N, C-alpha and C. Protein backbone atom coordinates (compact mmCIF):
# COMPACT_ATOMS: atom_id res chain seq x y z
N MET A 1 83.56 70.61 138.19
CA MET A 1 83.43 70.08 136.86
C MET A 1 84.62 70.07 136.61
N ASP A 2 84.81 68.82 135.86
CA ASP A 2 86.15 68.18 135.05
C ASP A 2 85.75 68.55 133.65
N ARG A 3 86.75 69.67 133.27
CA ARG A 3 86.53 69.69 131.82
C ARG A 3 86.75 68.52 130.61
N ASN A 4 87.34 67.90 131.42
CA ASN A 4 87.85 66.53 130.38
C ASN A 4 86.94 65.73 130.04
N LYS A 5 86.09 65.69 131.41
CA LYS A 5 85.11 64.59 131.15
C LYS A 5 83.76 64.89 130.52
N ARG A 6 83.09 63.87 129.87
CA ARG A 6 81.97 64.11 129.34
C ARG A 6 80.48 64.45 130.50
N PRO A 7 80.17 65.39 130.94
CA PRO A 7 78.77 65.22 131.64
C PRO A 7 77.74 64.27 131.28
N ILE A 8 77.34 63.47 132.58
CA ILE A 8 75.92 62.60 132.23
C ILE A 8 75.17 62.79 133.00
N PHE A 9 74.00 63.58 132.51
CA PHE A 9 72.53 63.31 133.42
C PHE A 9 71.81 62.40 133.11
N LEU A 10 71.49 61.99 134.49
CA LEU A 10 70.01 60.78 134.54
C LEU A 10 69.06 61.22 135.25
N ILE A 11 68.20 60.88 134.36
CA ILE A 11 66.80 61.56 134.28
C ILE A 11 65.66 60.93 135.04
N HIS A 12 65.26 60.74 135.89
CA HIS A 12 64.68 59.70 136.49
C HIS A 12 62.82 59.84 136.18
N GLY A 13 61.96 59.16 136.39
CA GLY A 13 60.89 58.99 136.05
C GLY A 13 59.81 59.19 136.81
N LEU A 14 58.65 58.77 136.50
CA LEU A 14 57.49 59.24 136.88
C LEU A 14 57.33 58.53 138.90
N TRP A 15 57.17 59.00 139.42
CA TRP A 15 56.84 58.30 140.73
C TRP A 15 58.32 58.07 141.60
N ASN A 16 59.46 58.52 140.51
CA ASN A 16 61.07 58.46 140.86
C ASN A 16 61.62 59.68 141.64
N ASN A 17 62.78 59.50 142.15
CA ASN A 17 63.23 60.81 142.81
C ASN A 17 65.08 60.62 142.02
N PRO A 18 65.74 61.34 141.95
CA PRO A 18 67.09 60.90 142.06
C PRO A 18 67.78 59.73 142.71
N GLN A 19 67.47 59.25 143.39
CA GLN A 19 67.85 58.10 144.02
C GLN A 19 67.69 56.93 143.38
N LEU A 20 66.80 56.67 142.33
CA LEU A 20 66.76 55.95 141.74
C LEU A 20 68.31 55.46 141.10
N PHE A 21 69.00 55.85 140.96
CA PHE A 21 70.22 55.76 140.45
C PHE A 21 71.13 55.59 141.22
N GLU A 22 70.82 55.35 142.53
CA GLU A 22 72.43 54.72 143.62
C GLU A 22 72.96 53.19 143.43
N LYS A 23 71.36 52.58 142.71
CA LYS A 23 72.33 51.38 142.66
C LYS A 23 73.57 51.16 141.52
N LEU A 24 72.50 51.92 140.24
CA LEU A 24 73.67 51.61 139.39
C LEU A 24 74.47 52.64 139.50
N ILE A 25 75.04 53.80 139.87
CA ILE A 25 76.40 53.99 140.32
C ILE A 25 77.12 53.25 141.13
N LYS A 26 76.21 52.87 142.17
CA LYS A 26 77.47 51.71 142.76
C LYS A 26 78.34 50.87 141.97
N LYS A 27 77.98 50.31 140.96
CA LYS A 27 78.38 49.70 139.86
C LYS A 27 79.77 50.39 139.10
N ILE A 28 80.01 51.64 139.40
CA ILE A 28 81.20 52.10 139.03
C ILE A 28 82.12 53.29 140.26
N ASN A 29 83.19 53.83 139.75
CA ASN A 29 83.45 54.34 140.16
C ASN A 29 83.32 55.77 139.85
N GLU A 30 82.42 56.70 141.21
CA GLU A 30 81.79 57.97 140.73
C GLU A 30 82.99 58.54 140.48
N ASP A 31 83.78 58.71 141.25
CA ASP A 31 84.84 59.75 140.95
C ASP A 31 85.40 59.72 139.45
N ASP A 32 85.29 58.73 138.57
CA ASP A 32 85.81 59.05 137.43
C ASP A 32 84.50 59.57 136.48
N TYR A 33 83.71 60.01 136.92
CA TYR A 33 82.89 60.58 135.92
C TYR A 33 82.00 61.94 136.49
N ASP A 34 81.61 62.99 135.64
CA ASP A 34 80.67 63.70 135.79
C ASP A 34 79.13 63.69 135.86
N LEU A 35 78.60 63.12 136.88
CA LEU A 35 77.35 62.89 136.82
C LEU A 35 76.14 63.92 137.65
N PHE A 36 75.27 64.11 136.54
CA PHE A 36 74.01 65.04 137.35
C PHE A 36 73.04 64.60 137.28
N ARG A 37 71.91 64.56 138.65
CA ARG A 37 70.93 63.89 138.51
C ARG A 37 69.50 64.90 139.23
N PRO A 38 69.34 65.85 138.47
CA PRO A 38 68.32 66.70 137.93
C PRO A 38 66.98 66.24 139.16
N HIS A 39 66.48 66.47 139.76
CA HIS A 39 64.85 66.35 140.25
C HIS A 39 64.13 67.31 140.13
N LEU A 40 63.22 66.50 139.22
CA LEU A 40 62.05 66.90 138.60
C LEU A 40 60.51 66.49 138.83
N PRO A 41 60.06 67.62 139.88
CA PRO A 41 58.34 66.98 140.76
C PRO A 41 57.93 66.85 139.09
N HIS A 42 57.62 65.40 139.70
CA HIS A 42 56.21 65.36 138.49
C HIS A 42 54.59 65.63 139.02
N LYS A 43 54.81 65.80 140.55
CA LYS A 43 53.69 65.41 141.21
C LYS A 43 52.34 64.59 140.83
N TYR A 44 53.19 63.38 140.42
CA TYR A 44 52.30 62.32 140.52
C TYR A 44 51.87 62.19 138.98
N GLY A 45 52.38 62.59 138.25
CA GLY A 45 51.63 63.17 137.09
C GLY A 45 51.09 64.00 136.36
N LYS A 46 50.75 65.26 137.49
CA LYS A 46 49.87 66.02 137.14
C LYS A 46 50.55 67.56 136.28
N THR A 47 52.24 67.03 136.04
CA THR A 47 53.17 67.77 135.62
C THR A 47 53.41 67.58 134.31
N SER A 48 52.87 68.26 133.43
CA SER A 48 53.01 68.29 132.24
C SER A 48 54.18 67.96 131.50
N LEU A 49 54.82 67.10 130.65
CA LEU A 49 56.00 66.44 129.80
C LEU A 49 56.73 67.94 129.82
N ARG A 50 56.15 69.08 128.72
CA ARG A 50 56.70 69.98 128.07
C ARG A 50 56.92 70.90 128.88
N HIS A 51 56.37 70.95 130.41
CA HIS A 51 56.78 71.61 131.47
C HIS A 51 57.92 71.50 131.81
N LEU A 52 58.23 69.55 132.00
CA LEU A 52 59.46 68.82 132.60
C LEU A 52 60.06 69.32 131.99
N ALA A 53 60.20 69.39 130.30
CA ALA A 53 61.39 69.71 129.48
C ALA A 53 61.97 71.18 129.80
N ASN A 54 61.03 71.79 130.21
CA ASN A 54 61.22 73.00 130.25
C ASN A 54 62.52 73.48 131.30
N ASP A 55 61.88 72.41 132.66
CA ASP A 55 62.84 72.60 133.99
C ASP A 55 64.19 71.81 133.56
N LEU A 56 63.96 70.70 132.93
CA LEU A 56 65.39 70.25 132.26
C LEU A 56 66.28 71.34 132.05
N ASP A 57 65.72 72.31 131.16
CA ASP A 57 66.35 73.00 129.96
C ASP A 57 67.42 73.84 130.66
N SER A 58 66.75 74.28 132.14
CA SER A 58 66.65 75.43 132.91
C SER A 58 68.03 74.86 133.64
N LYS A 59 67.82 73.65 134.12
CA LYS A 59 68.69 73.02 135.21
C LYS A 59 70.26 72.47 134.48
N ILE A 60 70.10 71.84 133.44
CA ILE A 60 71.10 71.42 132.52
C ILE A 60 72.24 72.72 132.21
N LYS A 61 71.46 73.87 132.15
CA LYS A 61 71.98 75.04 131.67
C LYS A 61 72.53 75.50 132.68
N LYS A 62 72.25 75.68 134.39
CA LYS A 62 72.53 75.82 135.28
C LYS A 62 73.61 75.18 135.75
N LEU A 63 73.36 73.86 135.64
CA LEU A 63 74.33 72.95 136.30
C LEU A 63 75.60 73.04 135.52
N VAL A 64 75.72 72.95 134.09
CA VAL A 64 76.81 72.87 133.32
C VAL A 64 77.15 74.03 132.17
N GLY A 65 76.39 75.36 131.99
CA GLY A 65 76.12 75.92 130.84
C GLY A 65 75.54 75.31 130.06
N SER A 66 75.63 76.44 128.67
CA SER A 66 74.83 76.34 127.77
C SER A 66 75.25 75.61 126.22
N GLN A 67 76.99 75.15 126.59
CA GLN A 67 77.88 74.83 125.39
C GLN A 67 78.70 73.40 125.64
N ILE A 68 78.76 73.06 126.94
CA ILE A 68 79.34 71.67 127.15
C ILE A 68 78.45 70.69 126.79
N GLU A 69 79.20 69.33 125.71
CA GLU A 69 78.72 68.58 125.23
C GLU A 69 78.02 67.65 126.40
N ILE A 70 76.98 66.92 126.34
CA ILE A 70 76.78 66.07 127.81
C ILE A 70 76.20 64.67 126.96
N ASP A 71 76.25 63.54 128.02
CA ASP A 71 74.71 62.45 127.58
C ASP A 71 74.29 62.70 128.45
N ILE A 72 73.04 61.78 128.10
CA ILE A 72 71.71 62.10 128.85
C ILE A 72 70.98 61.14 128.84
N VAL A 73 70.93 60.04 129.70
CA VAL A 73 70.10 58.63 130.20
C VAL A 73 68.86 59.36 131.24
N GLY A 74 67.95 58.80 130.22
CA GLY A 74 66.16 58.83 130.72
C GLY A 74 65.54 57.17 131.27
N PHE A 75 65.30 57.31 132.37
CA PHE A 75 64.25 56.10 132.75
C PHE A 75 63.29 56.13 132.57
N SER A 76 62.36 55.34 132.09
CA SER A 76 61.03 55.77 131.85
C SER A 76 60.15 56.95 131.35
N MET A 77 59.20 57.55 131.99
CA MET A 77 58.94 58.94 131.77
C MET A 77 60.11 59.69 131.53
N GLY A 78 61.39 59.43 132.36
CA GLY A 78 62.58 60.49 131.66
C GLY A 78 63.08 60.41 130.82
N GLY A 79 63.06 59.16 130.13
CA GLY A 79 63.02 59.29 128.79
C GLY A 79 62.83 60.17 127.82
N LEU A 80 61.38 60.24 127.90
CA LEU A 80 60.19 61.08 126.98
C LEU A 80 60.39 62.69 126.94
N ILE A 81 60.82 62.87 128.63
CA ILE A 81 61.44 64.74 128.72
C ILE A 81 62.50 64.43 128.12
N SER A 82 63.20 64.08 128.38
CA SER A 82 64.87 64.19 127.69
C SER A 82 64.80 63.97 125.99
N ARG A 83 63.68 63.37 125.52
CA ARG A 83 63.79 63.44 124.18
C ARG A 83 63.16 65.09 123.83
N LEU A 84 61.68 65.81 124.80
CA LEU A 84 61.41 66.41 124.23
C LEU A 84 62.70 67.67 124.42
N TRP A 85 63.66 67.42 125.43
CA TRP A 85 64.35 68.66 125.54
C TRP A 85 65.65 68.54 124.16
N LEU A 86 65.71 66.99 123.69
CA LEU A 86 66.71 66.87 122.69
C LEU A 86 65.86 67.40 121.54
N GLN A 87 64.52 67.30 121.21
CA GLN A 87 64.13 67.59 119.91
C GLN A 87 63.55 68.98 119.78
N ASN A 88 62.83 69.35 120.91
CA ASN A 88 62.06 70.63 121.22
C ASN A 88 63.21 72.13 121.83
N HIS A 89 64.19 71.78 122.63
CA HIS A 89 64.91 72.60 123.07
C HIS A 89 66.17 72.72 122.70
N GLU A 90 66.63 72.18 121.44
CA GLU A 90 67.90 71.56 120.20
C GLU A 90 69.03 71.28 121.64
N GLY A 91 68.24 70.41 122.20
CA GLY A 91 69.60 69.64 123.38
C GLY A 91 70.17 68.44 122.30
N PHE A 92 69.55 67.95 121.06
CA PHE A 92 70.40 67.91 120.02
C PHE A 92 71.94 68.13 120.08
N LEU A 93 71.74 69.38 119.72
CA LEU A 93 73.11 70.07 118.92
C LEU A 93 74.12 70.19 120.53
N ARG A 94 73.92 69.47 121.23
CA ARG A 94 75.18 69.73 122.29
C ARG A 94 75.28 68.07 123.03
N THR A 95 74.75 67.56 122.72
CA THR A 95 74.42 65.60 123.19
C THR A 95 75.15 64.65 122.31
N LYS A 96 76.23 63.88 122.75
CA LYS A 96 76.73 63.24 121.80
C LYS A 96 76.03 61.71 122.12
N ARG A 97 75.60 61.06 123.52
CA ARG A 97 74.56 60.07 123.41
C ARG A 97 73.14 60.22 124.05
N PHE A 98 72.12 59.35 123.51
CA PHE A 98 71.05 59.60 124.39
C PHE A 98 70.89 58.19 124.97
N ILE A 99 70.40 57.81 125.91
CA ILE A 99 70.30 56.12 126.30
C ILE A 99 68.74 55.89 127.16
N SER A 100 67.68 55.35 126.47
CA SER A 100 66.92 55.61 127.48
C SER A 100 66.74 53.93 128.08
N ILE A 101 65.74 54.02 129.12
CA ILE A 101 65.25 52.52 129.71
C ILE A 101 63.96 52.68 130.00
N GLY A 102 63.60 51.29 129.33
CA GLY A 102 62.01 51.37 129.78
C GLY A 102 60.87 53.01 129.46
N THR A 103 61.53 54.06 128.23
CA THR A 103 60.49 54.48 128.28
C THR A 103 59.35 53.96 127.16
N PRO A 104 58.02 54.76 126.95
CA PRO A 104 57.37 53.97 126.19
C PRO A 104 57.41 55.27 125.09
N HIS A 105 58.25 55.08 124.71
CA HIS A 105 58.45 55.76 123.36
C HIS A 105 57.46 56.12 122.31
N PHE A 106 56.38 55.13 121.88
CA PHE A 106 55.27 55.02 121.29
C PHE A 106 54.26 54.84 122.24
N GLY A 107 54.13 55.41 123.52
CA GLY A 107 53.14 55.29 124.28
C GLY A 107 52.99 54.13 124.85
N SER A 108 52.06 53.96 126.17
CA SER A 108 51.52 52.79 126.80
C SER A 108 49.88 52.67 127.16
N TYR A 109 49.27 51.27 126.66
CA TYR A 109 48.29 51.39 127.33
C TYR A 109 47.83 51.22 128.82
N THR A 110 48.74 51.28 129.52
CA THR A 110 48.65 51.53 131.05
C THR A 110 48.15 53.53 131.05
N ALA A 111 48.17 54.11 130.20
CA ALA A 111 48.14 55.32 130.50
C ALA A 111 46.48 55.63 129.69
N GLN A 112 45.87 54.69 128.89
CA GLN A 112 44.82 55.12 128.32
C GLN A 112 44.03 55.86 128.51
N MET A 113 43.46 55.22 129.78
CA MET A 113 42.22 55.80 130.77
C MET A 113 42.62 57.16 131.35
N ILE A 114 43.60 57.42 131.91
CA ILE A 114 44.06 58.47 131.99
C ILE A 114 43.48 59.95 132.03
N PRO A 115 42.49 60.60 132.42
CA PRO A 115 42.16 61.81 131.94
C PRO A 115 43.34 63.00 131.85
N SER A 116 43.25 63.73 130.50
CA SER A 116 44.27 64.92 130.74
C SER A 116 44.02 65.80 131.52
N PHE A 117 42.61 66.24 132.04
CA PHE A 117 42.39 67.46 133.24
C PHE A 117 42.96 66.67 134.26
N LEU A 118 43.55 65.31 134.61
CA LEU A 118 43.41 65.24 135.88
C LEU A 118 44.67 65.09 135.86
N MET A 119 45.95 64.33 135.03
CA MET A 119 46.70 64.08 135.24
C MET A 119 47.40 64.33 133.73
N PRO A 120 47.50 65.50 133.33
CA PRO A 120 47.97 65.43 131.99
C PRO A 120 49.40 64.80 131.61
N GLY A 121 50.71 64.80 132.56
CA GLY A 121 51.97 64.11 132.32
C GLY A 121 51.63 62.51 132.01
N ILE A 122 50.53 61.98 132.79
CA ILE A 122 50.83 60.39 132.14
C ILE A 122 49.93 60.61 131.03
N ALA A 123 48.54 61.06 131.24
CA ALA A 123 48.06 61.15 129.92
C ALA A 123 48.53 61.20 128.54
N GLU A 124 49.76 62.01 128.28
CA GLU A 124 50.72 62.37 127.65
C GLU A 124 51.38 61.61 126.56
N MET A 125 51.47 60.16 127.54
CA MET A 125 51.95 59.18 126.92
C MET A 125 50.90 58.33 126.69
N LYS A 126 49.54 58.20 126.24
CA LYS A 126 48.91 57.72 125.69
C LYS A 126 49.25 57.11 124.10
N ARG A 127 48.95 56.16 123.54
CA ARG A 127 48.87 55.82 122.52
C ARG A 127 48.78 56.77 121.52
N GLY A 128 48.91 57.71 120.85
CA GLY A 128 48.73 58.45 120.04
C GLY A 128 48.56 59.84 120.48
N SER A 129 48.70 60.11 120.86
CA SER A 129 48.88 61.41 121.92
C SER A 129 49.80 62.82 121.31
N SER A 130 49.23 63.42 121.02
CA SER A 130 49.66 64.90 120.13
C SER A 130 51.42 64.91 120.42
N LEU A 131 51.75 64.63 121.79
CA LEU A 131 53.19 64.78 122.61
C LEU A 131 53.99 63.83 121.56
N LEU A 132 53.33 62.48 121.99
CA LEU A 132 54.21 61.67 121.47
C LEU A 132 53.80 61.61 119.72
N SER A 133 53.16 61.72 118.99
CA SER A 133 52.86 61.70 117.75
C SER A 133 54.04 63.19 116.88
N GLN A 134 54.16 64.06 118.01
CA GLN A 134 54.92 65.46 117.59
C GLN A 134 56.64 64.76 117.60
N LEU A 135 56.55 63.94 118.61
CA LEU A 135 58.03 63.44 118.75
C LEU A 135 58.65 62.30 117.97
N ASN A 136 57.44 61.45 117.38
CA ASN A 136 58.18 60.83 116.08
C ASN A 136 57.88 60.76 115.33
N ASN A 137 56.99 61.45 114.72
CA ASN A 137 56.76 62.19 113.11
C ASN A 137 58.23 62.88 112.36
N ASP A 138 59.18 63.25 113.59
CA ASP A 138 60.21 63.80 112.98
C ASP A 138 61.60 63.79 113.84
N LEU A 139 62.30 62.13 113.34
CA LEU A 139 63.30 62.19 114.17
C LEU A 139 64.60 62.74 114.00
N THR A 140 64.65 63.88 112.98
CA THR A 140 65.78 64.30 112.38
C THR A 140 66.95 64.19 113.28
N ALA A 141 66.59 64.81 114.89
CA ALA A 141 67.24 65.26 115.88
C ALA A 141 67.96 64.09 115.76
N LEU A 142 67.38 63.39 116.92
CA LEU A 142 67.48 62.11 117.19
C LEU A 142 68.60 61.57 116.18
N GLU A 143 69.18 61.20 114.90
CA GLU A 143 69.46 61.07 114.04
C GLU A 143 70.97 61.77 114.10
N LYS A 144 71.03 62.91 114.48
CA LYS A 144 72.24 63.27 114.77
C LYS A 144 73.17 62.96 115.97
N ILE A 145 72.77 62.08 117.16
CA ILE A 145 73.19 61.60 117.81
C ILE A 145 73.21 60.04 118.20
N GLU A 146 73.62 59.48 119.14
CA GLU A 146 74.17 58.41 118.86
C GLU A 146 73.04 57.65 120.40
N CYS A 147 71.78 56.66 119.89
CA CYS A 147 70.63 56.22 120.42
C CYS A 147 70.57 54.97 120.59
N THR A 148 70.44 54.79 122.26
CA THR A 148 70.30 52.99 122.23
C THR A 148 69.37 53.38 123.42
N SER A 149 68.74 52.34 123.18
CA SER A 149 67.45 52.05 124.24
C SER A 149 67.54 50.01 124.98
N PHE A 150 66.71 50.27 125.82
CA PHE A 150 66.84 49.12 127.01
C PHE A 150 65.82 49.12 127.27
N PHE A 151 65.16 47.88 126.84
CA PHE A 151 63.49 47.46 127.58
C PHE A 151 63.62 45.95 127.31
N THR A 152 61.96 45.91 128.47
CA THR A 152 61.82 43.96 128.77
C THR A 152 60.51 43.96 128.06
N LYS A 153 60.21 42.93 127.16
CA LYS A 153 59.12 42.75 126.79
C LYS A 153 57.86 42.34 127.50
N TRP A 154 58.52 42.37 128.81
CA TRP A 154 57.63 41.81 130.10
C TRP A 154 56.74 43.55 130.38
N ASP A 155 57.35 44.71 130.39
CA ASP A 155 57.15 45.59 131.02
C ASP A 155 55.44 45.79 131.23
N LEU A 156 54.89 46.22 131.99
CA LEU A 156 53.17 46.39 132.13
C LEU A 156 53.46 48.31 132.39
N MET A 157 54.47 48.83 133.22
CA MET A 157 54.30 49.89 132.95
C MET A 157 54.53 50.61 131.34
N SER A 158 55.19 50.48 130.42
CA SER A 158 55.68 50.52 129.00
C SER A 158 55.03 49.65 128.27
N PHE A 159 53.88 49.17 128.49
CA PHE A 159 53.11 47.86 127.88
C PHE A 159 52.60 48.20 126.28
N PRO A 160 52.70 47.72 125.84
CA PRO A 160 53.31 46.55 125.63
C PRO A 160 55.11 47.05 125.46
N GLY A 161 56.01 45.68 125.82
CA GLY A 161 57.27 46.26 126.44
C GLY A 161 57.93 46.89 125.18
N TRP A 162 57.82 45.94 124.00
CA TRP A 162 58.56 46.32 122.53
C TRP A 162 57.89 48.24 122.38
N GLN A 163 56.98 48.58 122.83
CA GLN A 163 57.40 50.40 123.08
C GLN A 163 58.10 50.62 123.55
N ALA A 164 59.29 50.47 124.32
CA ALA A 164 60.26 50.87 124.73
C ALA A 164 61.32 51.25 123.71
N LYS A 165 61.30 50.58 122.27
CA LYS A 165 62.08 50.14 121.60
C LYS A 165 62.35 51.46 120.43
N LEU A 166 63.11 52.32 120.98
CA LEU A 166 63.07 53.51 120.41
C LEU A 166 63.59 52.98 118.56
N SER A 167 62.91 53.57 117.21
CA SER A 167 63.07 53.00 116.29
C SER A 167 64.09 53.37 115.57
N ILE A 168 65.24 54.04 116.11
CA ILE A 168 66.68 54.28 115.45
C ILE A 168 67.66 54.22 116.44
N GLY A 169 68.81 53.61 115.80
CA GLY A 169 69.63 53.44 117.15
C GLY A 169 69.50 51.79 117.49
N ASP A 170 70.40 51.59 118.48
CA ASP A 170 70.93 49.94 119.14
C ASP A 170 69.55 49.74 119.99
N SER A 171 69.06 49.13 120.20
CA SER A 171 67.89 48.16 121.54
C SER A 171 68.57 46.93 121.94
N TYR A 172 68.42 47.04 123.03
CA TYR A 172 68.57 45.82 123.50
C TYR A 172 67.49 45.29 124.71
N GLN A 173 67.01 44.18 125.16
CA GLN A 173 65.90 43.58 125.75
C GLN A 173 67.40 42.75 127.25
N LEU A 174 66.63 43.64 128.05
CA LEU A 174 67.32 43.45 129.48
C LEU A 174 66.57 41.82 130.18
N PRO A 175 67.66 41.10 130.60
CA PRO A 175 67.00 39.79 131.13
C PRO A 175 66.21 39.75 132.55
N VAL A 176 65.15 40.58 132.81
CA VAL A 176 64.35 41.13 134.06
C VAL A 176 62.60 40.67 133.23
N LEU A 177 62.10 40.90 134.31
CA LEU A 177 60.57 40.72 134.12
C LEU A 177 59.56 41.69 134.23
N THR A 178 60.04 42.84 134.97
CA THR A 178 59.50 43.70 135.49
C THR A 178 59.97 45.38 134.91
N HIS A 179 59.02 46.72 135.35
CA HIS A 179 59.88 47.74 134.92
C HIS A 179 60.88 48.38 135.83
N LYS A 180 60.61 47.90 136.95
CA LYS A 180 61.59 48.56 138.10
C LYS A 180 62.55 47.91 138.03
N GLU A 181 62.42 46.38 137.80
CA GLU A 181 64.17 45.74 137.81
C GLU A 181 64.88 46.19 136.75
N LEU A 182 64.43 46.86 135.52
CA LEU A 182 65.16 47.04 134.69
C LEU A 182 66.38 48.25 135.28
N ILE A 183 66.65 48.90 136.26
CA ILE A 183 66.74 49.74 137.14
C ILE A 183 67.67 49.43 138.51
N THR A 184 66.16 48.06 138.62
CA THR A 184 67.29 47.55 140.36
C THR A 184 67.36 46.40 140.49
N ASN A 185 67.50 45.50 139.12
CA ASN A 185 68.08 44.09 138.81
C ASN A 185 69.52 44.12 139.17
N SER A 186 69.97 43.60 139.97
CA SER A 186 71.80 43.37 139.90
C SER A 186 72.17 43.14 138.48
N GLY A 187 71.75 41.82 137.36
CA GLY A 187 72.25 41.54 136.21
C GLY A 187 71.70 42.90 134.92
N SER A 188 71.08 43.24 135.23
CA SER A 188 70.10 44.39 134.55
C SER A 188 71.22 45.52 134.61
N LEU A 189 71.73 45.85 135.95
CA LEU A 189 72.87 46.92 135.78
C LEU A 189 73.53 46.76 135.65
N ASP A 190 74.41 45.75 135.80
CA ASP A 190 75.95 45.40 135.22
C ASP A 190 75.76 45.73 133.69
N ILE A 191 74.83 45.38 132.99
CA ILE A 191 75.02 45.68 131.20
C ILE A 191 74.39 47.36 131.38
N LEU A 192 73.97 47.86 132.34
CA LEU A 192 73.49 49.19 132.06
C LEU A 192 74.71 50.32 132.09
N ALA A 193 75.61 49.37 133.02
CA ALA A 193 76.65 50.20 133.40
C ALA A 193 78.08 50.06 132.42
N LYS A 194 77.65 49.24 131.81
CA LYS A 194 79.21 48.71 130.74
C LYS A 194 78.64 49.71 129.63
N LYS A 195 77.23 50.03 129.55
CA LYS A 195 77.18 50.80 127.86
C LYS A 195 76.77 51.85 128.48
N ILE A 196 76.55 52.59 129.41
CA ILE A 196 76.26 53.72 130.10
C ILE A 196 77.75 54.14 129.79
N PHE A 197 78.39 53.86 130.94
CA PHE A 197 79.81 54.38 131.61
C PHE A 197 80.97 54.10 130.73
N ILE A 198 81.06 54.31 129.75
CA ILE A 198 82.07 54.19 128.66
C ILE A 198 83.12 55.32 128.28
N ASN A 199 84.57 55.58 127.88
CA ASN A 199 85.08 56.55 127.77
C ASN A 199 84.95 56.90 126.53
N GLY A 200 85.32 58.02 125.82
CA GLY A 200 85.00 59.06 124.62
C GLY A 200 83.20 59.32 124.59
């Protein structure tokens, strides 16, 4: 790890794995950055987001220690896991930037009919869930870092699409029609690469 480079953690979402970010990384010279893509097994939504945030906390400490300042980027549910780490594990104390892509910050109607006993990880993304209420009722931690959110209003996974706009920081609508295209469409990736992979 290059101590002169701030590590960037890329957190995948539900039904994804770390390879999700391959196309994004191909847009840059990977050697210019310290990139980490921890694998967080969701078990198809059966694993609680709180458990996944604990897992993320352990992996960040194992990979870069407990002191080094980082940036964290979350796609879809990965953005909520990142928020739990930032807000509940004092991750904000060591984070410069938080970037979310297609993250249902205010819940998703798509998750409304999923029973908690069957798939708690998905059910925690329901509008009005106790987890989302806790995260959104106190944004003090996020106010201390640079927050940016990306969304598409046509997103059916973070439906309606504006639910992916964090209420603080900058937000940008990407020119794509689907949730998956946020992280696979070449035009979308060009915009993300310019925003995520910057110096300083």
